[in-house]
C-alpha atoms as a PDB file:
ATOM      1  CA  UNK A   1     -57.681  12.430 -48.750  1.00  0.00           C
ATOM      2  CA  UNK A   2     -54.411  14.052 -48.504  1.00  0.00           C
ATOM      3  CA  UNK A   3     -51.214  13.160 -50.640  1.00  0.00           C
ATOM      4  CA  UNK A   4     -47.936  13.385 -49.436  1.00  0.00           C
ATOM      5  CA  UNK A   5     -45.700  15.556 -51.327  1.00  0.00           C
ATOM      6  CA  UNK A   6     -42.634  13.583 -52.939  1.00  0.00           C
ATOM      7  CA  UNK A   7     -39.650  15.781 -52.472  1.00  0.00           C
ATOM      8  CA  UNK A   8     -37.613  16.991 -55.067  1.00  0.00           C
ATOM      9  CA  UNK A   9     -34.301  15.353 -55.854  1.00  0.00           C
ATOM     10  CA  UNK A  10     -31.499  17.601 -54.920  1.00  0.00           C
ATOM     11  CA  UNK A  11     -29.254  18.384 -57.811  1.00  0.00           C
ATOM     12  CA  UNK A  12     -25.794  17.043 -57.140  1.00  0.00           C
ATOM     13  CA  UNK A  13     -23.013  19.683 -56.717  1.00  0.00           C
ATOM     14  CA  UNK A  14     -21.277  19.481 -60.095  1.00  0.00           C
ATOM     15  CA  UNK A  15     -18.664  22.152 -58.928  1.00  0.00           C
ATOM     16  CA  UNK A  16     -14.866  21.267 -58.692  1.00  0.00           C
ATOM     17  CA  UNK A  17     -13.606  19.949 -55.175  1.00  0.00           C
ATOM     18  CA  UNK A  18     -11.213  22.797 -54.741  1.00  0.00           C
ATOM     19  CA  UNK A  19     -14.435  25.514 -55.377  1.00  0.00           C
ATOM     20  CA  UNK A  20     -16.475  23.542 -52.569  1.00  0.00           C
ATOM     21  CA  UNK A  21     -13.294  23.338 -50.152  1.00  0.00           C
ATOM     22  CA  UNK A  22     -12.537  27.438 -50.954  1.00  0.00           C
ATOM     23  CA  UNK A  23     -16.620  28.026 -50.357  1.00  0.00           C
ATOM     24  CA  UNK A  24     -16.471  26.170 -46.987  1.00  0.00           C
ATOM     25  CA  UNK A  25     -13.117  27.746 -45.945  1.00  0.00           C
ATOM     26  CA  UNK A  26     -14.654  31.201 -46.764  1.00  0.00           C
ATOM     27  CA  UNK A  27     -17.747  30.661 -44.906  1.00  0.00           C
ATOM     28  CA  UNK A  28     -15.692  29.392 -41.796  1.00  0.00           C
ATOM     29  CA  UNK A  29     -13.822  32.775 -41.956  1.00  0.00           C
ATOM     30  CA  UNK A  30     -16.819  34.908 -42.087  1.00  0.00           C
ATOM     31  CA  UNK A  31     -18.177  33.243 -39.118  1.00  0.00           C
ATOM     32  CA  UNK A  32     -14.691  33.754 -37.561  1.00  0.00           C
ATOM     33  CA  UNK A  33     -14.633  37.364 -38.447  1.00  0.00           C
ATOM     34  CA  UNK A  34     -17.832  37.962 -37.032  1.00  0.00           C
ATOM     35  CA  UNK A  35     -17.715  36.390 -33.662  1.00  0.00           C
ATOM     36  CA  UNK A  36     -14.008  38.155 -33.498  1.00  0.00           C
ATOM     37  CA  UNK A  37     -15.753  41.455 -34.341  1.00  0.00           C
ATOM     38  CA  UNK A  38     -18.473  40.976 -31.677  1.00  0.00           C
ATOM     39  CA  UNK A  39     -15.733  39.827 -29.278  1.00  0.00           C
ATOM     40  CA  UNK A  40     -13.689  43.169 -29.882  1.00  0.00           C
ATOM     41  CA  UNK A  41     -16.742  45.191 -29.461  1.00  0.00           C
ATOM     42  CA  UNK A  42     -17.685  43.592 -26.185  1.00  0.00           C
ATOM     43  CA  UNK A  43     -14.152  44.243 -25.039  1.00  0.00           C
ATOM     44  CA  UNK A  44     -14.308  47.844 -26.276  1.00  0.00           C
ATOM     45  CA  UNK A  45     -17.396  48.361 -24.289  1.00  0.00           C
ATOM     46  CA  UNK A  46     -16.582  46.343 -21.203  1.00  0.00           C
ATOM     47  CA  UNK A  47     -12.801  45.996 -21.115  1.00  0.00           C
ATOM     48  CA  UNK A  48     -10.999  48.826 -22.808  1.00  0.00           C
ATOM     49  CA  UNK A  49      -7.831  48.592 -20.794  1.00  0.00           C
ATOM     50  CA  UNK A  50      -7.309  45.043 -22.546  1.00  0.00           C
ATOM     51  CA  UNK A  51      -7.198  46.701 -25.907  1.00  0.00           C
ATOM     52  CA  UNK A  52      -4.534  49.242 -24.861  1.00  0.00           C
ATOM     53  CA  UNK A  53      -2.431  46.275 -23.814  1.00  0.00           C
ATOM     54  CA  UNK A  54      -3.267  44.511 -26.718  1.00  0.00           C
ATOM     55  CA  UNK A  55      -1.995  47.308 -29.022  1.00  0.00           C
ATOM     56  CA  UNK A  56       1.338  47.745 -27.148  1.00  0.00           C
ATOM     57  CA  UNK A  57       2.030  43.930 -27.430  1.00  0.00           C
ATOM     58  CA  UNK A  58       1.318  44.443 -31.253  1.00  0.00           C
ATOM     59  CA  UNK A  59       3.655  47.647 -31.338  1.00  0.00           C
ATOM     60  CA  UNK A  60       6.311  45.607 -29.282  1.00  0.00           C
ATOM     61  CA  UNK A  61       6.145  42.544 -31.691  1.00  0.00           C
ATOM     62  CA  UNK A  62       6.585  45.154 -34.570  1.00  0.00           C
ATOM     63  CA  UNK A  63       9.800  46.805 -33.096  1.00  0.00           C
ATOM     64  CA  UNK A  64      11.097  43.035 -32.177  1.00  0.00           C
ATOM     65  CA  UNK A  65      10.926  43.786 -28.311  1.00  0.00           C
ATOM     66  CA  UNK A  66      10.076  41.481 -25.769  1.00  0.00           C
ATOM     67  CA  UNK A  67       8.511  42.610 -22.561  1.00  0.00           C
ATOM     68  CA  UNK A  68      10.557  41.403 -19.416  1.00  0.00           C
ATOM     69  CA  UNK A  69      11.061  42.181 -15.556  1.00  0.00           C
ATOM     70  CA  UNK A  70      13.891  42.065 -13.169  1.00  0.00           C
ATOM     71  CA  UNK A  71      14.232  43.162  -9.489  1.00  0.00           C
ATOM     72  CA  UNK A  72      16.907  45.616  -9.040  1.00  0.00           C
ATOM     73  CA  UNK A  73      17.385  47.930  -5.944  1.00  0.00           C
ATOM     74  CA  UNK A  74      13.793  48.373  -4.281  1.00  0.00           C
ATOM     75  CA  UNK A  75      12.165  47.924  -7.375  1.00  0.00           C
ATOM     76  CA  UNK A  76      10.521  45.375  -9.735  1.00  0.00           C
ATOM     77  CA  UNK A  77      11.200  46.774 -13.396  1.00  0.00           C
ATOM     78  CA  UNK A  78       9.345  45.974 -16.547  1.00  0.00           C
ATOM     79  CA  UNK A  79      11.063  46.631 -19.537  1.00  0.00           C
ATOM     80  CA  UNK A  80      11.174  45.935 -23.331  1.00  0.00           C
ATOM     81  CA  UNK A  81      14.525  44.434 -24.690  1.00  0.00           C
ATOM     82  CA  UNK A  82      15.226  43.586 -28.366  1.00  0.00           C
ATOM     83  CA  UNK A  83      17.892  43.963 -31.081  1.00  0.00           C
ATOM     84  CA  UNK A  84      21.435  43.332 -31.403  1.00  0.00           C
ATOM     85  CA  UNK A  85      24.558  45.783 -31.605  1.00  0.00           C
ATOM     86  CA  UNK A  86      25.438  48.500 -29.367  1.00  0.00           C
ATOM     87  CA  UNK A  87      23.195  49.233 -26.514  1.00  0.00           C
ATOM     88  CA  UNK A  88      20.716  52.295 -26.416  1.00  0.00           C
ATOM     89  CA  UNK A  89      18.661  52.932 -23.316  1.00  0.00           C
ATOM     90  CA  UNK A  90      15.556  54.865 -23.672  1.00  0.00           C
ATOM     91  CA  UNK A  91      13.991  56.849 -20.782  1.00  0.00           C
ATOM     92  CA  UNK A  92      10.327  58.149 -20.686  1.00  0.00           C
ATOM     93  CA  UNK A  93       8.688  61.292 -19.493  1.00  0.00           C
ATOM     94  CA  UNK A  94       6.563  62.439 -16.564  1.00  0.00           C
ATOM     95  CA  UNK A  95       3.304  60.484 -16.230  1.00  0.00           C
ATOM     96  CA  UNK A  96       4.258  58.165 -18.924  1.00  0.00           C
ATOM     97  CA  UNK A  97       5.556  54.634 -19.496  1.00  0.00           C
ATOM     98  CA  UNK A  98       7.724  52.802 -21.719  1.00  0.00           C
ATOM     99  CA  UNK A  99       5.128  52.341 -24.663  1.00  0.00           C
ATOM    100  CA  UNK A 100       5.697  55.922 -25.843  1.00  0.00           C
ATOM    101  CA  UNK A 101       8.871  54.573 -27.154  1.00  0.00           C
ATOM    102  CA  UNK A 102       7.743  51.821 -29.110  1.00  0.00           C
ATOM    103  CA  UNK A 103       7.166  53.538 -32.864  1.00  0.00           C
ATOM    104  CA  UNK A 104      10.756  55.275 -32.600  1.00  0.00           C
ATOM    105  CA  UNK A 105      11.768  51.560 -31.322  1.00  0.00           C
ATOM    106  CA  UNK A 106      10.831  50.247 -34.951  1.00  0.00           C
ATOM    107  CA  UNK A 107      13.833  52.145 -36.462  1.00  0.00           C
ATOM    108  CA  UNK A 108      16.280  51.221 -33.926  1.00  0.00           C
ATOM    109  CA  UNK A 109      16.224  47.719 -33.107  1.00  0.00           C
ATOM    110  CA  UNK A 110      17.646  46.613 -36.642  1.00  0.00           C
ATOM    111  CA  UNK A 111      20.939  48.011 -35.692  1.00  0.00           C
ATOM    112  CA  UNK A 112      20.983  48.318 -31.912  1.00  0.00           C
ATOM    113  CA  UNK A 113      20.247  46.512 -28.687  1.00  0.00           C
ATOM    114  CA  UNK A 114      17.460  48.553 -27.300  1.00  0.00           C
ATOM    115  CA  UNK A 115      16.347  48.590 -23.647  1.00  0.00           C
ATOM    116  CA  UNK A 116      13.283  50.769 -22.827  1.00  0.00           C
ATOM    117  CA  UNK A 117      12.022  50.493 -19.055  1.00  0.00           C
ATOM    118  CA  UNK A 118       9.183  51.887 -16.931  1.00  0.00           C
ATOM    119  CA  UNK A 119      10.922  54.011 -14.568  1.00  0.00           C
ATOM    120  CA  UNK A 120      10.336  52.886 -10.871  1.00  0.00           C
ATOM    121  CA  UNK A 121       6.912  54.204  -9.786  1.00  0.00           C
ATOM    122  CA  UNK A 122       5.468  54.261 -13.385  1.00  0.00           C
ATOM    123  CA  UNK A 123       4.167  52.132 -15.861  1.00  0.00           C
ATOM    124  CA  UNK A 124       4.124  48.533 -14.843  1.00  0.00           C
ATOM    125  CA  UNK A 125       7.335  48.810 -12.587  1.00  0.00           C
ATOM    126  CA  UNK A 126       6.851  48.592  -8.750  1.00  0.00           C
ATOM    127  CA  UNK A 127       6.324  51.629  -6.552  1.00  0.00           C
ATOM    128  CA  UNK A 128       6.545  52.314  -2.690  1.00  0.00           C
ATOM    129  CA  UNK A 129       4.193  54.738  -1.316  1.00  0.00           C
ATOM    130  CA  UNK A 130       6.572  56.518   0.757  1.00  0.00           C
ATOM    131  CA  UNK A 131       9.402  56.325  -1.736  1.00  0.00           C
ATOM    132  CA  UNK A 132      11.542  59.189  -2.846  1.00  0.00           C
ATOM    133  CA  UNK A 133      10.776  59.250  -7.004  1.00  0.00           C
ATOM    134  CA  UNK A 134      12.872  62.490  -7.552  1.00  0.00           C
ATOM    135  CA  UNK A 135      15.657  62.953 -10.062  1.00  0.00           C
ATOM    136  CA  UNK A 136      18.438  62.198  -7.965  1.00  0.00           C
ATOM    137  CA  UNK A 137      16.880  58.945  -6.396  1.00  0.00           C
ATOM    138  CA  UNK A 138      15.722  57.787  -9.791  1.00  0.00           C
ATOM    139  CA  UNK A 139      19.186  58.202 -11.327  1.00  0.00           C
ATOM    140  CA  UNK A 140      20.488  56.011  -8.444  1.00  0.00           C
ATOM    141  CA  UNK A 141      17.775  53.600  -9.093  1.00  0.00           C
ATOM    142  CA  UNK A 142      18.827  53.250 -12.805  1.00  0.00           C
ATOM    143  CA  UNK A 143      22.338  52.425 -11.946  1.00  0.00           C
ATOM    144  CA  UNK A 144      20.777  49.102 -10.098  1.00  0.00           C
ATOM    145  CA  UNK A 145      18.870  48.505 -12.969  1.00  0.00           C
ATOM    146  CA  UNK A 146      21.879  48.871 -15.429  1.00  0.00           C
ATOM    147  CA  UNK A 147      24.072  46.429 -13.220  1.00  0.00           C
ATOM    148  CA  UNK A 148      21.074  44.042 -12.942  1.00  0.00           C
ATOM    149  CA  UNK A 149      20.682  43.624 -16.897  1.00  0.00           C
ATOM    150  CA  UNK A 150      24.450  43.446 -17.336  1.00  0.00           C
ATOM    151  CA  UNK A 151      24.924  46.549 -19.760  1.00  0.00           C
ATOM    152  CA  UNK A 152      28.304  48.118 -19.370  1.00  0.00           C
ATOM    153  CA  UNK A 153      28.478  50.942 -21.984  1.00  0.00           C
ATOM    154  CA  UNK A 154      25.386  52.586 -23.547  1.00  0.00           C
ATOM    155  CA  UNK A 155      23.963  55.529 -25.348  1.00  0.00           C
ATOM    156  CA  UNK A 156      21.492  56.943 -22.980  1.00  0.00           C
ATOM    157  CA  UNK A 157      18.367  58.874 -24.146  1.00  0.00           C
ATOM    158  CA  UNK A 158      15.999  60.534 -21.926  1.00  0.00           C
ATOM    159  CA  UNK A 159      12.848  62.670 -22.866  1.00  0.00           C
ATOM    160  CA  UNK A 160      11.392  65.378 -20.568  1.00  0.00           C
ATOM    161  CA  UNK A 161      11.527  64.047 -16.964  1.00  0.00           C
ATOM    162  CA  UNK A 162      13.800  60.947 -18.341  1.00  0.00           C
ATOM    163  CA  UNK A 163      16.023  63.454 -19.543  1.00  0.00           C
ATOM    164  CA  UNK A 164      16.914  64.987 -16.112  1.00  0.00           C
ATOM    165  CA  UNK A 165      17.162  61.520 -14.972  1.00  0.00           C
ATOM    166  CA  UNK A 166      19.820  60.652 -17.901  1.00  0.00           C
ATOM    167  CA  UNK A 167      21.843  63.617 -17.201  1.00  0.00           C
ATOM    168  CA  UNK A 168      22.121  63.093 -13.732  1.00  0.00           C
ATOM    169  CA  UNK A 169      22.800  59.641 -14.127  1.00  0.00           C
ATOM    170  CA  UNK A 170      25.664  60.490 -16.689  1.00  0.00           C
ATOM    171  CA  UNK A 171      27.232  62.867 -14.543  1.00  0.00           C
ATOM    172  CA  UNK A 172      27.517  60.181 -11.659  1.00  0.00           C
ATOM    173  CA  UNK A 173      28.440  57.252 -13.931  1.00  0.00           C
ATOM    174  CA  UNK A 174      30.318  58.350 -16.887  1.00  0.00           C
ATOM    175  CA  UNK A 175      31.830  54.958 -17.069  1.00  0.00           C
ATOM    176  CA  UNK A 176      28.280  53.436 -18.192  1.00  0.00           C
ATOM    177  CA  UNK A 177      27.515  56.521 -20.567  1.00  0.00           C
ATOM    178  CA  UNK A 178      29.135  56.523 -23.923  1.00  0.00           C
ATOM    179  CA  UNK A 179      26.783  59.196 -25.094  1.00  0.00           C
ATOM    180  CA  UNK A 180      23.730  61.070 -24.172  1.00  0.00           C
ATOM    181  CA  UNK A 181      20.598  62.375 -25.953  1.00  0.00           C
ATOM    182  CA  UNK A 182      18.589  65.054 -24.179  1.00  0.00           C
ATOM    183  CA  UNK A 183      14.846  65.217 -25.612  1.00  0.00           C
ATOM    184  CA  UNK A 184      12.616  67.917 -24.597  1.00  0.00           C
ATOM    185  CA  UNK A 185      14.486  67.659 -21.343  1.00  0.00           C
ATOM    186  CA  UNK A 186      13.318  68.790 -17.938  1.00  0.00           C
ATOM    187  CA  UNK A 187      15.719  70.393 -15.456  1.00  0.00           C
ATOM    188  CA  UNK A 188      17.320  73.050 -17.815  1.00  0.00           C
ATOM    189  CA  UNK A 189      16.782  76.823 -17.275  1.00  0.00           C
ATOM    190  CA  UNK A 190      14.206  78.049 -20.091  1.00  0.00           C
ATOM    191  CA  UNK A 191      11.902  80.684 -20.980  1.00  0.00           C
ATOM    192  CA  UNK A 192       8.599  80.911 -19.395  1.00  0.00           C
ATOM    193  CA  UNK A 193       5.304  79.956 -21.401  1.00  0.00           C
ATOM    194  CA  UNK A 194       1.833  79.037 -20.420  1.00  0.00           C
ATOM    195  CA  UNK A 195       2.370  75.926 -19.227  1.00  0.00           C
ATOM    196  CA  UNK A 196       4.791  76.970 -16.600  1.00  0.00           C
ATOM    197  CA  UNK A 197       2.621  79.901 -15.733  1.00  0.00           C
ATOM    198  CA  UNK A 198      -0.242  77.601 -15.046  1.00  0.00           C
ATOM    199  CA  UNK A 199       1.980  75.095 -12.796  1.00  0.00           C
ATOM    200  CA  UNK A 200       3.188  78.185 -10.811  1.00  0.00           C
ATOM    201  CA  UNK A 201      -0.464  79.073 -10.365  1.00  0.00           C
ATOM    202  CA  UNK A 202      -1.072  75.815  -8.729  1.00  0.00           C
ATOM    203  CA  UNK A 203      -2.362  73.611 -11.493  1.00  0.00           C
ATOM    204  CA  UNK A 204      -1.334  70.122 -12.423  1.00  0.00           C
ATOM    205  CA  UNK A 205      -2.277  69.510 -16.139  1.00  0.00           C
ATOM    206  CA  UNK A 206      -1.440  65.845 -15.800  1.00  0.00           C
ATOM    207  CA  UNK A 207      -4.030  64.883 -13.337  1.00  0.00           C
ATOM    208  CA  UNK A 208      -7.429  64.688 -15.179  1.00  0.00           C
ATOM    209  CA  UNK A 209     -10.953  63.160 -14.203  1.00  0.00           C
ATOM    210  CA  UNK A 210     -12.747  63.313 -17.759  1.00  0.00           C
ATOM    211  CA  UNK A 211     -12.171  63.108 -21.125  1.00  0.00           C
ATOM    212  CA  UNK A 212     -12.387  66.795 -21.219  1.00  0.00           C
ATOM    213  CA  UNK A 213      -9.213  66.946 -19.027  1.00  0.00           C
ATOM    214  CA  UNK A 214      -7.233  64.259 -21.004  1.00  0.00           C
ATOM    215  CA  UNK A 215      -8.041  66.208 -24.190  1.00  0.00           C
ATOM    216  CA  UNK A 216      -6.703  69.199 -22.751  1.00  0.00           C
ATOM    217  CA  UNK A 217      -3.589  67.491 -21.870  1.00  0.00           C
ATOM    218  CA  UNK A 218      -3.093  65.995 -25.204  1.00  0.00           C
ATOM    219  CA  UNK A 219      -3.655  69.443 -26.887  1.00  0.00           C
ATOM    220  CA  UNK A 220      -0.900  70.889 -24.698  1.00  0.00           C
ATOM    221  CA  UNK A 221       1.747  68.280 -25.405  1.00  0.00           C
ATOM    222  CA  UNK A 222       0.890  67.651 -29.295  1.00  0.00           C
ATOM    223  CA  UNK A 223       0.779  69.673 -32.341  1.00  0.00           C
ATOM    224  CA  UNK A 224      -1.963  67.236 -33.685  1.00  0.00           C
ATOM    225  CA  UNK A 225      -3.384  65.436 -30.771  1.00  0.00           C
ATOM    226  CA  UNK A 226      -4.155  61.917 -31.678  1.00  0.00           C
ATOM    227  CA  UNK A 227      -7.792  60.579 -32.011  1.00  0.00           C
ATOM    228  CA  UNK A 228      -8.383  58.140 -29.236  1.00  0.00           C
ATOM    229  CA  UNK A 229     -11.850  56.540 -29.447  1.00  0.00           C
ATOM    230  CA  UNK A 230     -13.836  57.149 -26.333  1.00  0.00           C
ATOM    231  CA  UNK A 231     -13.923  53.929 -24.263  1.00  0.00           C
ATOM    232  CA  UNK A 232      -9.925  54.014 -24.578  1.00  0.00           C
ATOM    233  CA  UNK A 233     -10.010  57.358 -23.501  1.00  0.00           C
ATOM    234  CA  UNK A 234     -11.730  56.355 -20.381  1.00  0.00           C
ATOM    235  CA  UNK A 235      -9.351  53.358 -19.870  1.00  0.00           C
ATOM    236  CA  UNK A 236      -6.666  56.123 -19.736  1.00  0.00           C
ATOM    237  CA  UNK A 237      -8.802  58.384 -17.303  1.00  0.00           C
ATOM    238  CA  UNK A 238      -9.271  55.286 -15.154  1.00  0.00           C
ATOM    239  CA  UNK A 239      -5.156  54.472 -15.384  1.00  0.00           C
ATOM    240  CA  UNK A 240      -4.641  58.122 -14.246  1.00  0.00           C
ATOM    241  CA  UNK A 241      -7.158  58.343 -11.423  1.00  0.00           C
ATOM    242  CA  UNK A 242      -5.592  55.149 -10.120  1.00  0.00           C
ATOM    243  CA  UNK A 243      -2.321  57.203  -9.820  1.00  0.00           C
ATOM    244  CA  UNK A 244      -3.349  60.550  -8.768  1.00  0.00           C
ATOM    245  CA  UNK A 245      -1.977  60.825  -5.364  1.00  0.00           C
ATOM    246  CA  UNK A 246       1.526  59.397  -6.683  1.00  0.00           C
ATOM    247  CA  UNK A 247       1.228  61.764  -9.784  1.00  0.00           C
ATOM    248  CA  UNK A 248       0.243  64.976  -7.567  1.00  0.00           C
ATOM    249  CA  UNK A 249       2.932  64.094  -4.736  1.00  0.00           C
ATOM    250  CA  UNK A 250       5.698  63.494  -7.439  1.00  0.00           C
ATOM    251  CA  UNK A 251       4.931  66.572  -9.312  1.00  0.00           C
ATOM    252  CA  UNK A 252       5.200  68.818  -6.250  1.00  0.00           C
ATOM    253  CA  UNK A 253       8.538  67.269  -5.579  1.00  0.00           C
ATOM    254  CA  UNK A 254       9.642  68.026  -9.165  1.00  0.00           C
ATOM    255  CA  UNK A 255       8.734  71.765  -8.837  1.00  0.00           C
ATOM    256  CA  UNK A 256      11.287  72.330  -6.118  1.00  0.00           C
ATOM    257  CA  UNK A 257      14.034  74.483  -7.559  1.00  0.00           C
ATOM    258  CA  UNK A 258      16.967  71.675  -6.795  1.00  0.00           C
ATOM    259  CA  UNK A 259      14.723  69.182  -9.177  1.00  0.00           C
ATOM    260  CA  UNK A 260      13.315  71.658 -11.712  1.00  0.00           C
ATOM    261  CA  UNK A 261      16.882  72.779 -12.615  1.00  0.00           C
ATOM    262  CA  UNK A 262      18.936  69.543 -11.579  1.00  0.00           C
ATOM    263  CA  UNK A 263      20.780  69.727 -14.961  1.00  0.00           C
ATOM    264  CA  UNK A 264      22.031  73.270 -14.778  1.00  0.00           C
ATOM    265  CA  UNK A 265      24.727  72.474 -12.352  1.00  0.00           C
ATOM    266  CA  UNK A 266      25.338  69.144 -13.930  1.00  0.00           C
ATOM    267  CA  UNK A 267      25.825  69.744 -17.716  1.00  0.00           C
ATOM    268  CA  UNK A 268      29.364  71.784 -17.638  1.00  0.00           C
ATOM    269  CA  UNK A 269      30.571  68.238 -15.964  1.00  0.00           C
ATOM    270  CA  UNK A 270      29.472  65.928 -18.610  1.00  0.00           C
ATOM    271  CA  UNK A 271      32.552  64.663 -20.502  1.00  0.00           C
ATOM    272  CA  UNK A 272      30.586  62.585 -22.955  1.00  0.00           C
ATOM    273  CA  UNK A 273      29.275  63.507 -26.538  1.00  0.00           C
ATOM    274  CA  UNK A 274      25.752  65.061 -25.865  1.00  0.00           C
ATOM    275  CA  UNK A 275      23.119  65.686 -28.430  1.00  0.00           C
ATOM    276  CA  UNK A 276      19.916  67.785 -27.413  1.00  0.00           C
ATOM    277  CA  UNK A 277      16.768  67.364 -29.516  1.00  0.00           C
ATOM    278  CA  UNK A 278      13.910  69.807 -29.243  1.00  0.00           C
ATOM    279  CA  UNK A 279      10.672  70.749 -31.077  1.00  0.00           C
ATOM    280  CA  UNK A 280      10.500  74.066 -32.230  1.00  0.00           C
ATOM    281  CA  UNK A 281       6.897  74.375 -30.924  1.00  0.00           C
ATOM    282  CA  UNK A 282       7.625  72.505 -27.343  1.00  0.00           C
ATOM    283  CA  UNK A 283       4.660  74.076 -25.237  1.00  0.00           C
ATOM    284  CA  UNK A 284       6.054  72.323 -22.166  1.00  0.00           C
ATOM    285  CA  UNK A 285       9.612  72.935 -22.175  1.00  0.00           C
ATOM    286  CA  UNK A 286      10.289  75.802 -24.037  1.00  0.00           C
ATOM    287  CA  UNK A 287      13.009  75.389 -26.886  1.00  0.00           C
ATOM    288  CA  UNK A 288      15.214  77.978 -25.349  1.00  0.00           C
ATOM    289  CA  UNK A 289      16.236  75.151 -23.005  1.00  0.00           C
ATOM    290  CA  UNK A 290      18.278  73.961 -25.811  1.00  0.00           C
ATOM    291  CA  UNK A 291      20.252  76.952 -25.564  1.00  0.00           C
ATOM    292  CA  UNK A 292      21.110  76.396 -21.787  1.00  0.00           C
ATOM    293  CA  UNK A 293      22.223  72.851 -22.739  1.00  0.00           C
ATOM    294  CA  UNK A 294      24.476  74.083 -25.547  1.00  0.00           C
ATOM    295  CA  UNK A 295      26.303  76.872 -23.670  1.00  0.00           C
ATOM    296  CA  UNK A 296      26.711  74.765 -20.525  1.00  0.00           C
ATOM    297  CA  UNK A 297      28.293  71.912 -21.901  1.00  0.00           C
ATOM    298  CA  UNK A 298      32.118  72.759 -21.253  1.00  0.00           C
ATOM    299  CA  UNK A 299      33.402  69.393 -20.853  1.00  0.00           C
ATOM    300  CA  UNK A 300      31.863  67.684 -23.594  1.00  0.00           C
ATOM    301  CA  UNK A 301      33.778  66.581 -26.579  1.00  0.00           C
ATOM    302  CA  UNK A 302      31.016  66.815 -29.049  1.00  0.00           C
ATOM    303  CA  UNK A 303      27.874  68.769 -28.777  1.00  0.00           C
ATOM    304  CA  UNK A 304      24.824  68.611 -31.179  1.00  0.00           C
ATOM    305  CA  UNK A 305      21.753  70.197 -31.270  1.00  0.00           C
ATOM    306  CA  UNK A 306      18.643  69.233 -33.508  1.00  0.00           C
ATOM    307  CA  UNK A 307      15.440  71.333 -33.683  1.00  0.00           C
ATOM    308  CA  UNK A 308      12.211  69.487 -35.096  1.00  0.00           C
ATOM    309  CA  UNK A 309       9.345  71.247 -37.010  1.00  0.00           C
ATOM    310  CA  UNK A 310       5.727  69.992 -36.640  1.00  0.00           C
ATOM    311  CA  UNK A 311       5.879  68.347 -33.184  1.00  0.00           C
ATOM    312  CA  UNK A 312       5.578  69.529 -29.630  1.00  0.00           C
ATOM    313  CA  UNK A 313       6.646  68.005 -26.534  1.00  0.00           C
ATOM    314  CA  UNK A 314       6.937  64.198 -27.692  1.00  0.00           C
ATOM    315  CA  UNK A 315       8.776  64.053 -30.704  1.00  0.00           C
ATOM    316  CA  UNK A 316       9.205  60.169 -30.638  1.00  0.00           C
ATOM    317  CA  UNK A 317       5.746  60.163 -31.031  1.00  0.00           C
ATOM    318  CA  UNK A 318       4.745  62.716 -33.568  1.00  0.00           C
ATOM    319  CA  UNK A 319       8.113  62.279 -35.347  1.00  0.00           C
ATOM    320  CA  UNK A 320       9.195  58.647 -34.599  1.00  0.00           C
ATOM    321  CA  UNK A 321      10.654  58.130 -38.077  1.00  0.00           C
ATOM    322  CA  UNK A 322      12.900  61.430 -37.516  1.00  0.00           C
ATOM    323  CA  UNK A 323      13.479  60.946 -34.051  1.00  0.00           C
ATOM    324  CA  UNK A 324      14.911  57.197 -34.933  1.00  0.00           C
ATOM    325  CA  UNK A 325      16.922  58.553 -37.774  1.00  0.00           C
ATOM    326  CA  UNK A 326      18.657  61.497 -35.491  1.00  0.00           C
ATOM    327  CA  UNK A 327      19.548  58.930 -32.597  1.00  0.00           C
ATOM    328  CA  UNK A 328      20.975  56.303 -35.088  1.00  0.00           C
ATOM    329  CA  UNK A 329      22.983  58.820 -36.887  1.00  0.00           C
ATOM    330  CA  UNK A 330      24.169  60.052 -33.254  1.00  0.00           C
ATOM    331  CA  UNK A 331      24.752  56.682 -32.094  1.00  0.00           C
ATOM    332  CA  UNK A 332      26.799  55.649 -35.110  1.00  0.00           C
ATOM    333  CA  UNK A 333      29.080  58.705 -35.255  1.00  0.00           C
ATOM    334  CA  UNK A 334      30.122  58.374 -31.196  1.00  0.00           C
END
């Protein structure tokens, strides 16, 4: 004969109500954290490009920038815009995008109206397969963009290829460019280095197919290359592979002497204040280009030069606080 067990009475929960509510909230948050962690892990493995976009959105929000788009000329431009005050336009370099400026922009939007476009053909801006994306053509497109967004007069900052575009644009449109900053700028005569010798030998360091190729490029443009998790590296490689044909075609175009030295005949005519910013250890465009710039600025009312230590070709990424401070000081002085 079996006897049913009498269940033990459950002791009443004598904890205060606030403690019980807090415990429930903590349990809920733990569950949410676990779910989000699993979700992030799955995104990292299967869709790492989404994490790159999410991080860019986080940085833009931190810099008080809003992503926008506008049709100007033959291009649908993608750009960031934010802040109040005098306008600063920031141009990125070759095989790059507007996101390279986000860390530096954090130090600018408090005092300035900042505009950061993806140059036509790059990033999220549109591209024509048979279009001309050399320096003069990009300078023409930049005027269409400036007119479309309604900026009248601004400080123009260009890094690397963006510097050459900025300098040519300033020569053509001095009524718009109040002052000019050329940072690690392409387009000036400089001493040769290993990078230049590799290019002359027919190599294109900006085209890569695997993690080793990406890491080799990063080692050439940073003093301390950033650590990028493996699957995010894969997302960058996939992005680069999608653009291989465009990168190779444009790279060959920029190697032509009229493009490679596009600023040499221009700098003597620049009539606005000009500042050159270089890293002492720039292994892509030697710091001697800064000497060419200073010697050639015959018509500029104010010539400045700043050389930074502890960085290579990307001062806005390796020295964002210092870069923002230098740009701010120059903008306030002119």
